[in-house]
PDB file of N, CA and C in Angstrom:
ATOM      1  N   MET A   1     114.034  34.397  81.083  1.00  0.00           N
ATOM      2  CA  MET A   1     114.719  33.640  80.055  1.00  0.00           C
ATOM      3  C   MET A   1     115.249  34.606  79.004  1.00  0.00           C
ATOM      4  N   VAL A   2     116.486  34.388  78.607  1.00  0.00           N
ATOM      5  CA  VAL A   2     117.078  35.136  77.501  1.00  0.00           C
ATOM      6  C   VAL A   2     117.297  34.148  76.368  1.00  0.00           C
ATOM      7  N   VAL A   3     116.777  34.479  75.203  1.00  0.00           N
ATOM      8  CA  VAL A   3     116.809  33.604  74.040  1.00  0.00           C
ATOM      9  C   VAL A   3     117.993  33.973  73.149  1.00  0.00           C
ATOM     10  N   THR A   4     118.652  32.947  72.605  1.00  0.00           N
ATOM     11  CA  THR A   4     119.717  33.133  71.628  1.00  0.00           C
ATOM     12  C   THR A   4     119.393  32.267  70.405  1.00  0.00           C
ATOM     13  N   LYS A   5     120.226  32.351  69.385  1.00  0.00           N
ATOM     14  CA  LYS A   5     120.021  31.513  68.200  1.00  0.00           C
ATOM     15  C   LYS A   5     120.197  30.035  68.536  1.00  0.00           C
ATOM     16  N   ASP A   6     120.897  29.750  69.624  1.00  0.00           N
ATOM     17  CA  ASP A   6     121.137  28.361  70.027  1.00  0.00           C
ATOM     18  C   ASP A   6     120.047  27.804  70.936  1.00  0.00           C
ATOM     19  N   THR A   7     119.110  28.654  71.348  1.00  0.00           N
ATOM     20  CA  THR A   7     118.031  28.206  72.225  1.00  0.00           C
ATOM     21  C   THR A   7     117.112  27.255  71.459  1.00  0.00           C
ATOM     22  N   ILE A   8     116.725  26.178  72.129  1.00  0.00           N
ATOM     23  CA  ILE A   8     115.848  25.170  71.528  1.00  0.00           C
ATOM     24  C   ILE A   8     114.407  25.702  71.524  1.00  0.00           C
ATOM     25  N   ILE A   9     113.743  25.556  70.387  1.00  0.00           N
ATOM     26  CA  ILE A   9     112.385  26.080  70.227  1.00  0.00           C
ATOM     27  C   ILE A   9     111.450  25.537  71.303  1.00  0.00           C
ATOM     28  N   GLY A  10     111.530  24.257  71.597  1.00  0.00           N
ATOM     29  CA  GLY A  10     110.672  23.663  72.623  1.00  0.00           C
ATOM     30  C   GLY A  10     110.860  24.322  73.985  1.00  0.00           C
ATOM     31  N   ASP A  11     112.088  24.724  74.307  1.00  0.00           N
ATOM     32  CA  ASP A  11     112.349  25.394  75.587  1.00  0.00           C
ATOM     33  C   ASP A  11     111.670  26.765  75.629  1.00  0.00           C
ATOM     34  N   VAL A  12     111.700  27.466  74.503  1.00  0.00           N
ATOM     35  CA  VAL A  12     111.049  28.781  74.429  1.00  0.00           C
ATOM     36  C   VAL A  12     109.541  28.621  74.601  1.00  0.00           C
ATOM     37  N   LEU A  13     108.960  27.656  73.894  1.00  0.00           N
ATOM     38  CA  LEU A  13     107.523  27.432  73.965  1.00  0.00           C
ATOM     39  C   LEU A  13     107.097  26.969  75.357  1.00  0.00           C
ATOM     40  N   ASP A  14     107.911  26.138  75.990  1.00  0.00           N
ATOM     41  CA  ASP A  14     107.601  25.684  77.351  1.00  0.00           C
ATOM     42  C   ASP A  14     107.663  26.840  78.346  1.00  0.00           C
ATOM     43  N   PHE A  15     108.569  27.773  78.110  1.00  0.00           N
ATOM     44  CA  PHE A  15     108.701  28.928  78.998  1.00  0.00           C
ATOM     45  C   PHE A  15     107.511  29.872  78.844  1.00  0.00           C
ATOM     46  N   ASN A  16     107.106  30.105  77.585  1.00  0.00           N
ATOM     47  CA  ASN A  16     105.964  30.991  77.323  1.00  0.00           C
ATOM     48  C   ASN A  16     105.347  30.607  75.987  1.00  0.00           C
ATOM     49  N   ILE A  17     104.228  29.921  76.044  1.00  0.00           N
ATOM     50  CA  ILE A  17     103.563  29.419  74.834  1.00  0.00           C
ATOM     51  C   ILE A  17     103.142  30.551  73.894  1.00  0.00           C
ATOM     52  N   GLU A  18     102.967  31.745  74.425  1.00  0.00           N
ATOM     53  CA  GLU A  18     102.569  32.885  73.588  1.00  0.00           C
ATOM     54  C   GLU A  18     103.640  33.274  72.582  1.00  0.00           C
ATOM     55  N   THR A  19     104.869  32.781  72.749  1.00  0.00           N
ATOM     56  CA  THR A  19     105.925  33.066  71.775  1.00  0.00           C
ATOM     57  C   THR A  19     105.680  32.334  70.457  1.00  0.00           C
ATOM     58  N   ALA A  20     104.767  31.386  70.438  1.00  0.00           N
ATOM     59  CA  ALA A  20     104.462  30.637  69.213  1.00  0.00           C
ATOM     60  C   ALA A  20     104.093  31.574  68.069  1.00  0.00           C
ATOM     61  N   LYS A  21     103.466  32.693  68.389  1.00  0.00           N
ATOM     62  CA  LYS A  21     103.034  33.618  67.332  1.00  0.00           C
ATOM     63  C   LYS A  21     104.213  34.139  66.514  1.00  0.00           C
ATOM     64  N   PHE A  22     105.372  34.286  67.125  1.00  0.00           N
ATOM     65  CA  PHE A  22     106.535  34.782  66.393  1.00  0.00           C
ATOM     66  C   PHE A  22     107.023  33.746  65.379  1.00  0.00           C
ATOM     67  N   PHE A  23     106.919  32.484  65.744  1.00  0.00           N
ATOM     68  CA  PHE A  23     107.294  31.414  64.820  1.00  0.00           C
ATOM     69  C   PHE A  23     106.259  31.277  63.705  1.00  0.00           C
ATOM     70  N   PHE A  24     104.988  31.339  64.069  1.00  0.00           N
ATOM     71  CA  PHE A  24     103.911  31.252  63.078  1.00  0.00           C
ATOM     72  C   PHE A  24     104.014  32.381  62.061  1.00  0.00           C
ATOM     73  N   ASP A  25     104.325  33.589  62.531  1.00  0.00           N
ATOM     74  CA  ASP A  25     104.433  34.748  61.642  1.00  0.00           C
ATOM     75  C   ASP A  25     105.491  34.554  60.559  1.00  0.00           C
ATOM     76  N   LEU A  26     106.483  33.713  60.833  1.00  0.00           N
ATOM     77  CA  LEU A  26     107.562  33.470  59.871  1.00  0.00           C
ATOM     78  C   LEU A  26     107.337  32.207  59.046  1.00  0.00           C
ATOM     79  N   GLY A  27     106.160  31.601  59.203  1.00  0.00           N
ATOM     80  CA  GLY A  27     105.855  30.406  58.428  1.00  0.00           C
ATOM     81  C   GLY A  27     106.292  29.112  59.074  1.00  0.00           C
ATOM     82  N   MET A  28     106.679  29.183  60.328  1.00  0.00           N
ATOM     83  CA  MET A  28     107.085  27.983  61.064  1.00  0.00           C
ATOM     84  C   MET A  28     105.851  27.407  61.752  1.00  0.00           C
ATOM     85  N   HIS A  29     105.090  26.618  61.001  1.00  0.00           N
ATOM     86  CA  HIS A  29     103.794  26.144  61.473  1.00  0.00           C
ATOM     87  C   HIS A  29     103.843  24.757  62.105  1.00  0.00           C
ATOM     88  N   CYS A  30     104.981  24.115  62.121  1.00  0.00           N
ATOM     89  CA  CYS A  30     105.060  22.736  62.608  1.00  0.00           C
ATOM     90  C   CYS A  30     105.601  22.665  64.042  1.00  0.00           C
ATOM     91  N   LEU A  31     105.195  23.576  64.887  1.00  0.00           N
ATOM     92  CA  LEU A  31     105.738  23.651  66.242  1.00  0.00           C
ATOM     93  C   LEU A  31     105.376  22.457  67.107  1.00  0.00           C
ATOM     94  N   GLY A  32     104.322  21.742  66.773  1.00  0.00           N
ATOM     95  CA  GLY A  32     103.935  20.576  67.545  1.00  0.00           C
ATOM     96  C   GLY A  32     104.718  19.330  67.184  1.00  0.00           C
ATOM     97  N   CYS A  33     105.440  19.387  66.090  1.00  0.00           N
ATOM     98  CA  CYS A  33     106.229  18.250  65.633  1.00  0.00           C
ATOM     99  C   CYS A  33     107.441  18.063  66.554  1.00  0.00           C
ATOM    100  N   PRO A  34     107.679  16.834  67.012  1.00  0.00           N
ATOM    101  CA  PRO A  34     108.824  16.600  67.909  1.00  0.00           C
ATOM    102  C   PRO A  34     110.157  17.068  67.324  1.00  0.00           C
ATOM    103  N   ALA A  35     110.327  16.918  66.018  1.00  0.00           N
ATOM    104  CA  ALA A  35     111.589  17.335  65.405  1.00  0.00           C
ATOM    105  C   ALA A  35     111.780  18.843  65.490  1.00  0.00           C
ATOM    106  N   SER A  36     110.722  19.606  65.231  1.00  0.00           N
ATOM    107  CA  SER A  36     110.863  21.063  65.251  1.00  0.00           C
ATOM    108  C   SER A  36     111.055  21.583  66.670  1.00  0.00           C
ATOM    109  N   ARG A  37     110.445  20.943  67.643  1.00  0.00           N
ATOM    110  CA  ARG A  37     110.621  21.364  69.041  1.00  0.00           C
ATOM    111  C   ARG A  37     112.063  21.174  69.502  1.00  0.00           C
ATOM    112  N   GLY A  38     112.789  20.272  68.850  1.00  0.00           N
ATOM    113  CA  GLY A  38     114.168  20.001  69.236  1.00  0.00           C
ATOM    114  C   GLY A  38     115.193  20.811  68.478  1.00  0.00           C
ATOM    115  N   GLU A  39     114.747  21.615  67.529  1.00  0.00           N
ATOM    116  CA  GLU A  39     115.655  22.460  66.745  1.00  0.00           C
ATOM    117  C   GLU A  39     115.974  23.741  67.496  1.00  0.00           C
ATOM    118  N   SER A  40     117.133  24.279  67.199  1.00  0.00           N
ATOM    119  CA  SER A  40     117.453  25.603  67.728  1.00  0.00           C
ATOM    120  C   SER A  40     116.751  26.647  66.865  1.00  0.00           C
ATOM    121  N   ILE A  41     116.620  27.838  67.409  1.00  0.00           N
ATOM    122  CA  ILE A  41     116.026  28.933  66.641  1.00  0.00           C
ATOM    123  C   ILE A  41     116.855  29.196  65.386  1.00  0.00           C
ATOM    124  N   GLY A  42     118.162  29.155  65.515  1.00  0.00           N
ATOM    125  CA  GLY A  42     119.036  29.380  64.366  1.00  0.00           C
ATOM    126  C   GLY A  42     118.842  28.346  63.273  1.00  0.00           C
ATOM    127  N   GLU A  43     118.730  27.072  63.658  1.00  0.00           N
ATOM    128  CA  GLU A  43     118.520  26.006  62.676  1.00  0.00           C
ATOM    129  C   GLU A  43     117.189  26.182  61.950  1.00  0.00           C
ATOM    130  N   ALA A  44     116.149  26.446  62.708  1.00  0.00           N
ATOM    131  CA  ALA A  44     114.818  26.605  62.122  1.00  0.00           C
ATOM    132  C   ALA A  44     114.759  27.823  61.206  1.00  0.00           C
ATOM    133  N   ALA A  45     115.370  28.915  61.618  1.00  0.00           N
ATOM    134  CA  ALA A  45     115.365  30.125  60.796  1.00  0.00           C
ATOM    135  C   ALA A  45     116.091  29.872  59.472  1.00  0.00           C
ATOM    136  N   GLU A  46     117.193  29.156  59.534  1.00  0.00           N
ATOM    137  CA  GLU A  46     117.953  28.856  58.314  1.00  0.00           C
ATOM    138  C   GLU A  46     117.116  28.012  57.350  1.00  0.00           C
ATOM    139  N   VAL A  47     116.463  26.980  57.860  1.00  0.00           N
ATOM    140  CA  VAL A  47     115.641  26.102  57.025  1.00  0.00           C
ATOM    141  C   VAL A  47     114.499  26.874  56.367  1.00  0.00           C
ATOM    142  N   HIS A  48     113.955  27.856  57.103  1.00  0.00           N
ATOM    143  CA  HIS A  48     112.818  28.625  56.592  1.00  0.00           C
ATOM    144  C   HIS A  48     113.234  29.917  55.897  1.00  0.00           C
ATOM    145  N   GLY A  49     114.533  30.127  55.734  1.00  0.00           N
ATOM    146  CA  GLY A  49     115.016  31.312  55.037  1.00  0.00           C
ATOM    147  C   GLY A  49     114.712  32.612  55.768  1.00  0.00           C
ATOM    148  N   GLN A  50     114.780  32.561  57.096  1.00  0.00           N
ATOM    149  CA  GLN A  50     114.455  33.730  57.905  1.00  0.00           C
ATOM    150  C   GLN A  50     115.691  34.233  58.645  1.00  0.00           C
ATOM    151  N   ASP A  51     115.614  35.445  59.149  1.00  0.00           N
ATOM    152  CA  ASP A  51     116.699  36.075  59.899  1.00  0.00           C
ATOM    153  C   ASP A  51     116.586  35.683  61.369  1.00  0.00           C
ATOM    154  N   ALA A  52     117.470  34.811  61.829  1.00  0.00           N
ATOM    155  CA  ALA A  52     117.436  34.334  63.213  1.00  0.00           C
ATOM    156  C   ALA A  52     117.648  35.473  64.206  1.00  0.00           C
ATOM    157  N   ASP A  53     118.524  36.408  63.867  1.00  0.00           N
ATOM    158  CA  ASP A  53     118.800  37.521  64.787  1.00  0.00           C
ATOM    159  C   ASP A  53     117.546  38.364  65.020  1.00  0.00           C
ATOM    160  N   GLU A  54     116.789  38.596  63.969  1.00  0.00           N
ATOM    161  CA  GLU A  54     115.561  39.394  64.094  1.00  0.00           C
ATOM    162  C   GLU A  54     114.522  38.645  64.924  1.00  0.00           C
ATOM    163  N   LEU A  55     114.403  37.349  64.708  1.00  0.00           N
ATOM    164  CA  LEU A  55     113.459  36.545  65.481  1.00  0.00           C
ATOM    165  C   LEU A  55     113.836  36.534  66.962  1.00  0.00           C
ATOM    166  N   VAL A  56     115.108  36.340  67.252  1.00  0.00           N
ATOM    167  CA  VAL A  56     115.590  36.345  68.637  1.00  0.00           C
ATOM    168  C   VAL A  56     115.299  37.697  69.290  1.00  0.00           C
ATOM    169  N   LYS A  57     115.546  38.770  68.565  1.00  0.00           N
ATOM    170  CA  LYS A  57     115.291  40.110  69.084  1.00  0.00           C
ATOM    171  C   LYS A  57     113.810  40.283  69.435  1.00  0.00           C
ATOM    172  N   LYS A  58     112.909  39.884  68.543  1.00  0.00           N
ATOM    173  CA  LYS A  58     111.480  40.030  68.797  1.00  0.00           C
ATOM    174  C   LYS A  58     111.031  39.205  70.001  1.00  0.00           C
ATOM    175  N   ILE A  59     111.527  37.981  70.097  1.00  0.00           N
ATOM    176  CA  ILE A  59     111.147  37.123  71.227  1.00  0.00           C
ATOM    177  C   ILE A  59     111.652  37.699  72.535  1.00  0.00           C
ATOM    178  N   ASN A  60     112.900  38.145  72.562  1.00  0.00           N
ATOM    179  CA  ASN A  60     113.455  38.717  73.795  1.00  0.00           C
ATOM    180  C   ASN A  60     112.737  39.994  74.206  1.00  0.00           C
ATOM    181  N   GLU A  61     112.370  40.826  73.232  1.00  0.00           N
ATOM    182  CA  GLU A  61     111.616  42.039  73.563  1.00  0.00           C
ATOM    183  C   GLU A  61     110.248  41.676  74.152  1.00  0.00           C
ATOM    184  N   PHE A  62     109.605  40.669  73.589  1.00  0.00           N
ATOM    185  CA  PHE A  62     108.309  40.220  74.098  1.00  0.00           C
ATOM    186  C   PHE A  62     108.449  39.683  75.520  1.00  0.00           C
ATOM    187  N   LEU A  63     109.447  38.850  75.748  1.00  0.00           N
ATOM    188  CA  LEU A  63     109.642  38.244  77.069  1.00  0.00           C
ATOM    189  C   LEU A  63     110.025  39.282  78.118  1.00  0.00           C
ATOM    190  N   ALA A  64     110.736  40.326  77.695  1.00  0.00           N
ATOM    191  CA  ALA A  64     111.143  41.374  78.639  1.00  0.00           C
ATOM    192  C   ALA A  64     109.989  42.310  78.999  1.00  0.00           C
ATOM    193  N   GLY A  65     108.989  42.359  78.103  1.00  0.00           N
ATOM    194  CA  GLY A  65     107.885  43.297  78.286  1.00  0.00           C
ATOM    195  C   GLY A  65     106.882  42.764  79.231  1.00  0.00           C
TER     196      GLY A  65
END
């Protein structure tokens, strides 16, 4: 899986639940909420005042490793 800012958070978590730590590290603690699972990484990063590009990079590096 290759993650982009448009990738839905729930899809990332379903692919590899261990990616949750990257969201938690940025203060995105509501991953179990149906609304947050349906958001894109870009949308969630914007709401939380985070850099979506950096988050995508970290997740992709983790998934590639």
